[in-house]
Amino acid sequence: MLKRFAALPKRQEGARAALELLREEERLKAIRRVEGMKVGGLINIGLGIALLFFLYSLGGPGSPYLCGLIFLFIGLALLAYALFMAPRPDRGN
């Protein structure tokens, strides 16, 4: 019986360490998700600009070059969300 009581604080420390590890894994997962959104936004912005130039060079002002704005605005929305609106793990959100 005394051995159980002697081992009890060690179990609590182990439980605290396990909870800390889980919290750290969740924080890293949230950081990876936000960073992925930033990269995805930048890729979409680049794709939109490239598509604008490519379609304009094919047909001039009469071509559907403004379709590149779709990707451009999707990229801007992803980037704006990742930079300004996404919950930050370091702020405790």
C-alpha atoms as a PDB file:
ATOM      1  CA  MET A   1       0.000   0.000   0.000  1.00  0.00           C
ATOM      2  CA  LEU A   2       2.801   2.419   0.791  1.00  0.00           C
ATOM      3  CA  LYS A   3       4.400   1.662  -2.569  1.00  0.00           C
ATOM      4  CA  ARG A   4       1.236   2.874  -4.307  1.00  0.00           C
ATOM      5  CA  PHE A   5       1.272   6.148  -2.419  1.00  0.00           C
ATOM      6  CA  ALA A   6       4.968   6.592  -3.127  1.00  0.00           C
ATOM      7  CA  ALA A   7       4.427   6.069  -6.868  1.00  0.00           C
ATOM      8  CA  LEU A   8       1.402   8.401  -7.055  1.00  0.00           C
ATOM      9  CA  PRO A   9       3.312  11.684  -7.594  1.00  0.00           C
ATOM     10  CA  LYS A  10       5.335  10.073 -10.361  1.00  0.00           C
ATOM     11  CA  ARG A  11       2.117   9.111 -12.123  1.00  0.00           C
ATOM     12  CA  GLN A  12       0.843  12.656 -11.837  1.00  0.00           C
ATOM     13  CA  GLU A  13       4.075  13.966 -13.317  1.00  0.00           C
ATOM     14  CA  GLY A  14       3.757  11.444 -16.134  1.00  0.00           C
ATOM     15  CA  ALA A  15       0.182  12.515 -16.758  1.00  0.00           C
ATOM     16  CA  ARG A  16       1.248  16.166 -16.820  1.00  0.00           C
ATOM     17  CA  ALA A  17       4.038  15.354 -19.266  1.00  0.00           C
ATOM     18  CA  ALA A  18       1.614  13.426 -21.485  1.00  0.00           C
ATOM     19  CA  LEU A  19      -0.867  16.329 -21.490  1.00  0.00           C
ATOM     20  CA  GLU A  20       1.942  18.757 -22.273  1.00  0.00           C
ATOM     21  CA  LEU A  21       3.036  16.580 -25.183  1.00  0.00           C
ATOM     22  CA  LEU A  22      -0.533  16.445 -26.546  1.00  0.00           C
ATOM     23  CA  ARG A  23      -0.887  20.223 -26.271  1.00  0.00           C
ATOM     24  CA  GLU A  24       2.414  20.726 -28.069  1.00  0.00           C
ATOM     25  CA  GLU A  25       1.358  18.365 -30.883  1.00  0.00           C
ATOM     26  CA  GLU A  26      -1.941  20.251 -31.307  1.00  0.00           C
ATOM     27  CA  ARG A  27      -0.093  23.573 -31.362  1.00  0.00           C
ATOM     28  CA  LEU A  28       2.318  22.314 -34.034  1.00  0.00           C
ATOM     29  CA  LYS A  29      -0.574  20.946 -36.087  1.00  0.00           C
ATOM     30  CA  ALA A  30      -2.310  24.342 -35.979  1.00  0.00           C
ATOM     31  CA  ILE A  31       0.904  26.098 -37.014  1.00  0.00           C
ATOM     32  CA  ARG A  32       1.350  23.711 -39.966  1.00  0.00           C
ATOM     33  CA  ARG A  33      -2.247  24.308 -41.057  1.00  0.00           C
ATOM     34  CA  VAL A  34      -1.850  28.109 -41.033  1.00  0.00           C
ATOM     35  CA  GLU A  35       1.508  27.933 -42.793  1.00  0.00           C
ATOM     36  CA  GLY A  36      -0.035  25.656 -45.434  1.00  0.00           C
ATOM     37  CA  MET A  37      -2.749  28.247 -46.030  1.00  0.00           C
ATOM     38  CA  LYS A  38      -0.111  30.924 -46.495  1.00  0.00           C
ATOM     39  CA  VAL A  39       1.747  28.827 -49.060  1.00  0.00           C
ATOM     40  CA  GLY A  40      -1.503  27.899 -50.822  1.00  0.00           C
ATOM     41  CA  GLY A  41      -2.492  31.551 -50.983  1.00  0.00           C
ATOM     42  CA  LEU A  42       0.833  32.583 -52.474  1.00  0.00           C
ATOM     43  CA  ILE A  43       0.651  29.784 -55.057  1.00  0.00           C
ATOM     44  CA  ASN A  44      -2.866  30.829 -56.072  1.00  0.00           C
ATOM     45  CA  ILE A  45      -1.839  34.471 -56.367  1.00  0.00           C
ATOM     46  CA  GLY A  46       1.077  33.522 -58.618  1.00  0.00           C
ATOM     47  CA  LEU A  47      -1.148  31.261 -60.693  1.00  0.00           C
ATOM     48  CA  GLY A  48      -3.766  33.983 -61.093  1.00  0.00           C
ATOM     49  CA  ILE A  49      -1.228  36.563 -62.245  1.00  0.00           C
ATOM     50  CA  ALA A  50       0.394  34.094 -64.650  1.00  0.00           C
ATOM     51  CA  LEU A  51      -3.008  33.126 -66.047  1.00  0.00           C
ATOM     52  CA  LEU A  52      -3.907  36.787 -66.557  1.00  0.00           C
ATOM     53  CA  PHE A  53      -0.774  37.387 -68.619  1.00  0.00           C
ATOM     54  CA  PHE A  54      -1.022  34.095 -70.502  1.00  0.00           C
ATOM     55  CA  LEU A  55      -4.640  34.487 -71.551  1.00  0.00           C
ATOM     56  CA  TYR A  56      -4.133  38.143 -72.452  1.00  0.00           C
ATOM     57  CA  SER A  57      -1.159  37.258 -74.639  1.00  0.00           C
ATOM     58  CA  LEU A  58      -3.231  34.651 -76.482  1.00  0.00           C
ATOM     59  CA  GLY A  59      -6.126  36.850 -77.492  1.00  0.00           C
ATOM     60  CA  GLY A  60      -5.643  40.415 -76.375  1.00  0.00           C
ATOM     61  CA  PRO A  61      -8.414  42.444 -74.777  1.00  0.00           C
ATOM     62  CA  GLY A  62     -11.167  40.219 -76.237  1.00  0.00           C
ATOM     63  CA  SER A  63      -9.865  37.054 -74.597  1.00  0.00           C
ATOM     64  CA  PRO A  64     -11.188  35.755 -71.266  1.00  0.00           C
ATOM     65  CA  TYR A  65      -8.024  36.839 -69.481  1.00  0.00           C
ATOM     66  CA  LEU A  66      -9.979  38.078 -66.478  1.00  0.00           C
ATOM     67  CA  CYS A  67     -10.533  34.429 -65.490  1.00  0.00           C
ATOM     68  CA  GLY A  68      -7.130  34.706 -63.835  1.00  0.00           C
ATOM     69  CA  LEU A  69      -8.727  36.997 -61.266  1.00  0.00           C
ATOM     70  CA  ILE A  70     -10.590  34.001 -59.838  1.00  0.00           C
ATOM     71  CA  PHE A  71      -7.331  32.371 -58.717  1.00  0.00           C
ATOM     72  CA  LEU A  72      -5.895  35.720 -57.686  1.00  0.00           C
ATOM     73  CA  PHE A  73      -8.810  36.486 -55.371  1.00  0.00           C
ATOM     74  CA  ILE A  74      -8.866  32.952 -53.941  1.00  0.00           C
ATOM     75  CA  GLY A  75      -5.170  33.336 -53.116  1.00  0.00           C
ATOM     76  CA  LEU A  76      -5.743  36.740 -51.557  1.00  0.00           C
ATOM     77  CA  ALA A  77      -8.574  35.356 -49.438  1.00  0.00           C
ATOM     78  CA  LEU A  78      -6.429  32.430 -48.226  1.00  0.00           C
ATOM     79  CA  LEU A  79      -3.536  34.728 -47.426  1.00  0.00           C
ATOM     80  CA  ALA A  80      -5.735  37.269 -45.632  1.00  0.00           C
ATOM     81  CA  TYR A  81      -7.319  34.536 -43.524  1.00  0.00           C
ATOM     82  CA  ALA A  82      -3.976  32.982 -42.628  1.00  0.00           C
ATOM     83  CA  LEU A  83      -2.396  36.319 -41.711  1.00  0.00           C
ATOM     84  CA  PHE A  84      -5.233  38.158 -39.976  1.00  0.00           C
ATOM     85  CA  MET A  85      -8.147  35.922 -39.011  1.00  0.00           C
ATOM     86  CA  ALA A  86      -6.826  32.440 -38.263  1.00  0.00           C
ATOM     87  CA  PRO A  87      -6.582  31.567 -34.564  1.00  0.00           C
ATOM     88  CA  ARG A  88      -3.005  31.790 -33.338  1.00  0.00           C
ATOM     89  CA  PRO A  89      -1.743  28.984 -31.088  1.00  0.00           C
ATOM     90  CA  ASP A  90       0.757  31.310 -29.391  1.00  0.00           C
ATOM     91  CA  ARG A  91      -2.042  33.707 -28.373  1.00  0.00           C
ATOM     92  CA  GLY A  92      -4.013  30.959 -26.662  1.00  0.00           C
ATOM     93  CA  ASN A  93      -6.943  31.003 -29.140  1.00  0.00           C
END
